[in-house]
Amino acid sequence: MNTPQEPRVSRKQDVLVDVKHLKKHYPIEKSLFGRTTKVLKAVDDVSFQIVRGETFGLVGESGCGKSTTGRSIIRLHEVTSGEILYDGNDLAHMSERELLPFRKRMQAIFQDPYSSLNPGMTVMQLISEPLEIHGYSNRAERKEIVLQLLSKVGLKSEHAERFPHEFSGGQRQRISIARSLAAKPEFVLCDEPISALDVSVQAQVINMLEDLQGELGLTYLFIAHDLSMVRHISNRIGVMYLGKLVEIAPSDELYTHPGHPYTKALLSAIPIPNPRLVTSRRNLLQGDLASPLEETTGCKFRSRCPFAVGRCAEVEPEMREVSPGHFVACHLND
């Protein structure tokens, strides 16, 4: 029998983000005396690493905890327990004052570009605001940087004096990307940045993100539920289910040799252009989704897994390396 292993990358690789046993729990119910009696385990003991310069994809169904994981890493959420090592510094329990030097190095692109942009500010004001916060006091210098960023994301200088409502969804997301790059970050959380866009615009934004990564040496955590797009942009991919990582693998390896039944079901749901092949490859999940509020033993996926056995209800599967760099948490791989 294999022994449990942490999903670690090669020691030769330069790790920028190292997440160890991250937990984020939300209290749901409290007793009469203020004691927490029920919690929602949005992120439950998650560990992975992101190498400098790579794109790590994080996928799963809505509500699986992937966005909470990403926002916890950049400390938009308080962390229940665990470590978040950013370039060797543990951010997990830093105060806001201690986090300030790292805020400039970590930025985010969110799902809905309209709700993340202040409608009362012009594009010039929106993009220059991070520059003011992080010490660019020269107005002429800020304007020059904003115009350069607009050019990088495919917008024109005359767009700088317009307001967010004057742009299309794709253009607004380009403004959000320019804003996130204003402070010259190293690490960017891409929290479903294309899910609110048309399919044709999605490809343009993905290609632009790849170009910017190559030009600026960025590191991405790319969160999405569209597995076809995640494969295109990601070097490695993690699959989440009810707050836990169930599989981590290089992108091509995950798509050609998925090791977890949940991963196989997700991949089978990707639309394909040939309708004759749909029924033969579709792997619909059966059973009921376990409640994230209930304390469960064993594998959380067992209620929907066609291969579940008695052991799945008794022992929680641990991450095991089934091939170089490919980790799976499933008893089928024991």
Protein backbone atom coordinates (compact mmCIF):
# COMPACT_ATOMS: atom_id res chain seq x y z
CA MET A 1 0.00 0.00 0.00
CA ASN A 2 1.24 3.50 -0.85
CA THR A 3 1.69 5.99 1.97
CA PRO A 4 -0.10 9.37 2.01
CA GLN A 5 1.84 12.13 0.28
CA GLU A 6 1.67 15.90 0.09
CA PRO A 7 1.23 17.17 -3.48
CA ARG A 8 4.68 18.79 -3.72
CA VAL A 9 6.51 19.93 -6.85
CA SER A 10 10.16 19.23 -7.60
CA ARG A 11 12.65 20.87 -5.25
CA LYS A 12 14.40 22.37 -8.26
CA GLN A 13 11.37 24.49 -9.09
CA ASP A 14 10.96 27.98 -7.62
CA VAL A 15 7.77 27.84 -5.52
CA LEU A 16 6.07 31.23 -5.13
CA VAL A 17 2.89 30.13 -3.29
CA ASP A 18 2.89 27.16 -0.91
CA VAL A 19 -0.50 26.39 0.67
CA LYS A 20 -0.38 23.93 3.58
CA HIS A 21 -3.49 22.45 5.24
CA LEU A 22 -5.58 25.55 4.56
CA LYS A 23 -8.98 25.68 6.26
CA LYS A 24 -11.71 28.28 6.05
CA HIS A 25 -14.78 27.56 8.18
CA TYR A 26 -17.87 29.73 8.60
CA PRO A 27 -19.95 29.50 11.80
CA ILE A 28 -23.59 28.81 10.92
CA GLU A 29 -25.26 28.20 14.27
CA LYS A 30 -24.42 29.21 17.83
CA SER A 31 -25.75 28.04 21.15
CA LEU A 32 -27.50 30.25 23.70
CA PHE A 33 -24.11 30.87 25.31
CA GLY A 34 -22.40 31.92 22.04
CA ARG A 35 -20.63 28.64 21.36
CA THR A 36 -20.45 27.62 17.69
CA THR A 37 -22.49 24.44 17.19
CA LYS A 38 -22.44 24.14 13.39
CA VAL A 39 -19.87 25.26 10.81
CA LEU A 40 -19.66 25.34 7.03
CA LYS A 41 -16.31 23.91 5.96
CA ALA A 42 -15.86 25.91 2.76
CA VAL A 43 -12.17 24.96 2.53
CA ASP A 44 -11.18 21.86 4.45
CA ASP A 45 -7.47 20.96 4.68
CA VAL A 46 -6.24 22.01 1.22
CA SER A 47 -2.54 21.80 0.26
CA PHE A 48 -0.84 22.67 -3.05
CA GLN A 49 2.00 24.71 -4.50
CA ILE A 50 2.24 27.23 -7.34
CA VAL A 51 5.57 27.58 -9.13
CA ARG A 52 6.77 31.05 -10.10
CA GLY A 53 5.73 31.84 -13.68
CA GLU A 54 3.16 29.05 -14.05
CA THR A 55 -0.64 29.00 -14.23
CA PHE A 56 -2.29 26.72 -11.69
CA GLY A 57 -5.91 25.97 -12.58
CA LEU A 58 -8.51 25.26 -9.90
CA VAL A 59 -11.76 23.66 -11.07
CA GLY A 60 -14.92 22.15 -9.62
CA GLU A 61 -18.67 22.62 -9.37
CA SER A 62 -20.20 25.82 -8.01
CA GLY A 63 -19.94 25.83 -4.22
CA CYS A 64 -16.93 23.52 -4.04
CA GLY A 65 -14.79 26.18 -2.34
CA LYS A 66 -12.43 27.14 -5.17
CA SER A 67 -13.15 30.90 -5.01
CA THR A 68 -12.93 30.87 -1.21
CA THR A 69 -9.56 29.14 -1.52
CA GLY A 70 -8.26 31.79 -3.93
CA ARG A 71 -9.52 34.70 -1.88
CA SER A 72 -8.11 33.20 1.30
CA ILE A 73 -4.68 32.90 -0.34
CA ILE A 74 -4.54 36.64 -1.07
CA ARG A 75 -6.12 37.28 2.35
CA LEU A 76 -9.40 38.79 1.25
CA HIS A 77 -10.80 36.28 3.78
CA GLU A 78 -9.56 35.52 7.25
CA VAL A 79 -8.09 32.02 7.55
CA THR A 80 -9.34 29.47 10.09
CA SER A 81 -6.06 27.52 10.15
CA GLY A 82 -3.16 26.43 7.96
CA GLU A 83 -0.24 28.16 6.28
CA ILE A 84 -0.02 30.36 3.18
CA LEU A 85 3.65 30.74 2.35
CA TYR A 86 4.15 33.52 -0.19
CA ASP A 87 7.79 33.62 -1.26
CA GLY A 88 8.61 32.02 2.11
CA ASN A 89 6.47 34.39 4.22
CA ASP A 90 3.42 33.00 6.04
CA LEU A 91 0.48 35.30 5.25
CA ALA A 92 -2.17 33.19 6.98
CA HIS A 93 -2.39 35.07 10.25
CA MET A 94 -0.68 38.39 9.48
CA SER A 95 -2.33 41.62 10.56
CA GLU A 96 -3.43 44.09 7.91
CA ARG A 97 -0.39 46.25 8.62
CA GLU A 98 1.93 43.25 8.17
CA LEU A 99 0.16 42.35 4.92
CA LEU A 100 0.55 45.81 3.37
CA PRO A 101 3.93 45.11 1.64
CA PHE A 102 2.42 41.98 0.06
CA ARG A 103 -0.76 43.66 -1.22
CA LYS A 104 1.20 45.23 -4.04
CA ARG A 105 2.64 41.85 -5.06
CA MET A 106 -0.75 40.07 -5.15
CA GLN A 107 -3.72 41.27 -7.19
CA ALA A 108 -7.05 39.83 -8.36
CA ILE A 109 -9.32 39.78 -11.41
CA PHE A 110 -12.94 39.01 -10.52
CA GLN A 111 -15.83 37.35 -12.33
CA ASP A 112 -18.12 40.32 -12.95
CA PRO A 113 -16.14 43.29 -14.29
CA TYR A 114 -19.05 45.70 -13.87
CA SER A 115 -19.56 45.04 -10.14
CA SER A 116 -15.80 45.23 -9.47
CA LEU A 117 -15.46 48.68 -11.09
CA ASN A 118 -16.75 51.85 -9.42
CA PRO A 119 -19.35 53.24 -11.88
CA GLY A 120 -18.67 56.80 -10.73
CA MET A 121 -14.99 56.76 -11.67
CA THR A 122 -13.40 57.13 -15.10
CA VAL A 123 -11.04 54.51 -16.46
CA MET A 124 -8.13 56.82 -15.72
CA GLN A 125 -9.21 57.10 -12.07
CA LEU A 126 -9.90 53.37 -11.74
CA ILE A 127 -6.50 52.26 -13.00
CA SER A 128 -4.51 55.03 -11.31
CA GLU A 129 -6.09 54.41 -7.88
CA PRO A 130 -3.80 51.42 -7.05
CA LEU A 131 -0.84 53.54 -8.13
CA GLU A 132 -1.80 56.26 -5.64
CA ILE A 133 -2.27 53.71 -2.85
CA HIS A 134 1.15 52.21 -3.46
CA GLY A 135 3.08 55.46 -3.60
CA TYR A 136 3.07 56.77 -7.17
CA SER A 137 2.50 60.40 -6.24
CA ASN A 138 3.51 61.97 -9.57
CA ARG A 139 0.33 62.60 -11.56
CA ALA A 140 2.08 62.71 -14.93
CA GLU A 141 3.81 59.41 -14.19
CA ARG A 142 0.51 57.79 -13.20
CA LYS A 143 -1.13 58.98 -16.43
CA GLU A 144 1.71 57.57 -18.53
CA ILE A 145 1.47 54.19 -16.77
CA VAL A 146 -2.32 54.07 -17.26
CA LEU A 147 -2.02 54.77 -20.99
CA GLN A 148 0.64 52.06 -21.32
CA LEU A 149 -1.59 49.55 -19.52
CA LEU A 150 -4.57 50.41 -21.71
CA SER A 151 -2.42 49.71 -24.76
CA LYS A 152 -1.30 46.36 -23.30
CA VAL A 153 -4.91 45.20 -22.83
CA GLY A 154 -6.03 46.30 -26.29
CA LEU A 155 -7.76 49.60 -25.47
CA LYS A 156 -7.10 53.10 -26.77
CA SER A 157 -5.93 56.23 -24.97
CA GLU A 158 -9.26 57.98 -25.55
CA HIS A 159 -10.96 55.29 -23.44
CA ALA A 160 -9.23 56.68 -20.35
CA GLU A 161 -11.84 59.42 -19.78
CA ARG A 162 -14.89 57.20 -20.20
CA PHE A 163 -16.96 55.46 -17.51
CA PRO A 164 -17.47 51.67 -17.09
CA HIS A 165 -21.08 51.72 -18.37
CA GLU A 166 -19.85 52.98 -21.76
CA PHE A 167 -18.01 49.70 -22.47
CA SER A 168 -18.97 46.16 -23.42
CA GLY A 169 -18.45 43.27 -21.00
CA GLY A 170 -15.23 42.22 -22.66
CA GLN A 171 -13.86 45.76 -22.60
CA ARG A 172 -14.77 46.14 -18.92
CA GLN A 173 -12.86 42.97 -18.13
CA ARG A 174 -9.85 44.38 -19.99
CA ILE A 175 -10.09 47.46 -17.76
CA SER A 176 -10.19 45.19 -14.69
CA ILE A 177 -7.08 43.38 -15.93
CA ALA A 178 -5.26 46.69 -16.49
CA ARG A 179 -6.24 47.81 -12.99
CA SER A 180 -4.91 44.57 -11.48
CA LEU A 181 -1.57 45.06 -13.26
CA ALA A 182 -1.15 48.72 -12.29
CA ALA A 183 0.89 47.98 -9.14
CA LYS A 184 3.18 45.57 -11.05
CA PRO A 185 2.22 42.39 -9.15
CA GLU A 186 3.96 39.02 -9.31
CA PHE A 187 0.88 36.90 -8.52
CA VAL A 188 -2.63 37.37 -9.92
CA LEU A 189 -5.77 35.56 -8.74
CA CYS A 190 -8.03 35.10 -11.77
CA ASP A 191 -11.38 34.30 -10.13
CA GLU A 192 -13.58 33.06 -13.00
CA PRO A 193 -12.56 36.05 -15.15
CA ILE A 194 -14.24 34.79 -18.33
CA SER A 195 -17.47 33.15 -17.13
CA ALA A 196 -19.54 36.33 -17.61
CA LEU A 197 -18.27 36.89 -21.17
CA ASP A 198 -19.38 35.68 -24.59
CA VAL A 199 -17.54 32.63 -25.92
CA SER A 200 -15.74 34.60 -28.66
CA VAL A 201 -14.60 37.19 -26.12
CA GLN A 202 -13.46 34.49 -23.69
CA ALA A 203 -10.82 33.27 -26.13
CA GLN A 204 -9.54 36.82 -26.65
CA VAL A 205 -9.20 37.42 -22.90
CA ILE A 206 -7.46 34.07 -22.36
CA ASN A 207 -4.95 34.80 -25.13
CA MET A 208 -4.34 38.26 -23.70
CA LEU A 209 -3.70 36.83 -20.23
CA GLU A 210 -1.17 34.40 -21.71
CA ASP A 211 0.59 37.20 -23.60
CA LEU A 212 0.75 39.37 -20.46
CA GLN A 213 2.12 36.44 -18.46
CA GLY A 214 4.93 35.93 -20.94
CA GLU A 215 5.71 39.64 -21.15
CA LEU A 216 5.53 40.48 -17.43
CA GLY A 217 6.53 37.14 -15.87
CA LEU A 218 3.25 36.76 -13.96
CA THR A 219 2.09 33.78 -11.90
CA TYR A 220 -1.63 32.92 -12.09
CA LEU A 221 -4.11 31.03 -9.96
CA PHE A 222 -6.87 30.54 -12.53
CA ILE A 223 -10.26 29.56 -11.11
CA ALA A 224 -13.01 28.42 -13.46
CA HIS A 225 -15.67 25.81 -14.12
CA ASP A 226 -15.06 25.69 -17.90
CA LEU A 227 -12.58 22.84 -18.11
CA SER A 228 -11.81 23.35 -21.80
CA MET A 229 -10.55 26.89 -21.15
CA VAL A 230 -8.65 25.80 -18.04
CA ARG A 231 -6.76 23.21 -20.07
CA HIS A 232 -5.77 25.85 -22.61
CA ILE A 233 -4.20 28.25 -20.10
CA SER A 234 -3.04 26.03 -17.18
CA ASN A 235 0.24 24.20 -16.62
CA ARG A 236 -1.19 22.18 -13.73
CA ILE A 237 -4.76 21.71 -12.50
CA GLY A 238 -6.33 20.97 -9.12
CA VAL A 239 -9.84 19.53 -8.85
CA MET A 240 -11.95 20.46 -5.80
CA TYR A 241 -15.02 18.77 -4.35
CA LEU A 242 -16.84 20.05 -1.24
CA GLY A 243 -13.88 21.95 0.12
CA LYS A 244 -11.23 19.32 -0.59
CA LEU A 245 -8.72 18.74 -3.36
CA VAL A 246 -9.33 15.32 -4.91
CA GLU A 247 -6.77 15.46 -7.75
CA ILE A 248 -3.75 17.48 -8.89
CA ALA A 249 -1.94 16.82 -12.15
CA PRO A 250 -0.23 18.46 -15.13
CA SER A 251 -2.88 19.77 -17.52
CA ASP A 252 -2.46 17.25 -20.35
CA GLU A 253 -2.08 14.34 -17.90
CA LEU A 254 -5.33 15.25 -16.14
CA TYR A 255 -7.29 15.34 -19.39
CA THR A 256 -5.83 12.16 -20.88
CA HIS A 257 -5.52 10.03 -17.70
CA PRO A 258 -7.95 11.34 -15.03
CA GLY A 259 -7.59 9.32 -11.85
CA HIS A 260 -10.61 10.36 -9.76
CA PRO A 261 -14.22 9.42 -10.67
CA TYR A 262 -15.30 13.02 -10.06
CA THR A 263 -12.68 14.33 -12.50
CA LYS A 264 -13.85 11.82 -15.09
CA ALA A 265 -17.44 13.02 -14.68
CA LEU A 266 -16.42 16.67 -15.07
CA LEU A 267 -14.45 15.90 -18.23
CA SER A 268 -17.31 13.93 -19.72
CA ALA A 269 -19.56 17.00 -19.34
CA ILE A 270 -17.39 19.15 -21.65
CA PRO A 271 -19.44 19.90 -24.80
CA ILE A 272 -18.16 18.26 -27.98
CA PRO A 273 -19.09 19.18 -31.57
CA ASN A 274 -20.07 15.63 -32.60
CA PRO A 275 -23.55 14.74 -31.18
CA ARG A 276 -23.06 11.03 -32.02
CA LEU A 277 -20.32 10.78 -29.42
CA VAL A 278 -22.23 12.51 -26.63
CA THR A 279 -24.17 9.54 -25.27
CA SER A 280 -21.17 7.21 -25.47
CA ARG A 281 -18.89 9.43 -23.41
CA ARG A 282 -21.36 11.07 -21.00
CA ASN A 283 -20.75 10.08 -17.39
CA LEU A 284 -23.65 11.51 -15.40
CA LEU A 285 -23.31 11.51 -11.64
CA GLN A 286 -25.94 9.64 -9.64
CA GLY A 287 -27.00 9.98 -6.02
CA ASP A 288 -27.31 13.00 -3.75
CA LEU A 289 -24.77 15.72 -3.10
CA ALA A 290 -23.56 15.49 0.50
CA SER A 291 -24.36 18.46 2.72
CA PRO A 292 -21.30 20.62 3.49
CA LEU A 293 -22.84 21.28 6.93
CA GLU A 294 -22.87 17.66 8.03
CA GLU A 295 -19.95 15.89 9.65
CA THR A 296 -19.16 12.94 7.39
CA THR A 297 -16.66 10.13 7.67
CA GLY A 298 -14.84 8.62 4.75
CA CYS A 299 -14.95 10.03 1.23
CA LYS A 300 -17.28 12.98 0.65
CA PHE A 301 -17.84 11.89 -2.95
CA ARG A 302 -19.02 8.38 -2.11
CA SER A 303 -22.76 9.23 -2.27
CA ARG A 304 -22.37 10.02 -5.99
CA CYS A 305 -19.56 7.61 -6.91
CA PRO A 306 -20.45 4.50 -8.99
CA PHE A 307 -17.35 2.70 -7.66
CA ALA A 308 -17.89 3.30 -3.92
CA VAL A 309 -17.21 0.35 -1.60
CA GLY A 310 -17.50 -0.16 2.14
CA ARG A 311 -14.09 1.32 2.86
CA CYS A 312 -15.10 4.62 1.24
CA ALA A 313 -17.62 5.21 4.07
CA GLU A 314 -15.08 4.45 6.79
CA VAL A 315 -11.72 5.92 5.73
CA GLU A 316 -11.09 9.28 4.08
CA PRO A 317 -8.76 8.78 1.08
CA GLU A 318 -5.38 10.52 1.21
CA MET A 319 -3.51 12.11 -1.68
CA ARG A 320 -1.20 9.57 -3.36
CA GLU A 321 1.16 10.05 -6.29
CA VAL A 322 -0.02 7.69 -9.06
CA SER A 323 2.50 8.97 -11.63
CA PRO A 324 5.13 11.74 -11.55
CA GLY A 325 3.38 14.94 -10.48
CA HIS A 326 -0.07 13.31 -10.57
CA PHE A 327 -1.80 13.06 -7.17
CA VAL A 328 -5.21 11.49 -6.54
CA ALA A 329 -7.28 11.10 -3.35
CA CYS A 330 -9.22 7.90 -4.10
CA HIS A 331 -9.16 4.36 -2.68
CA LEU A 332 -9.24 3.01 -6.25
CA ASN A 333 -5.59 4.04 -6.51
CA ASP A 334 -4.44 2.28 -3.31
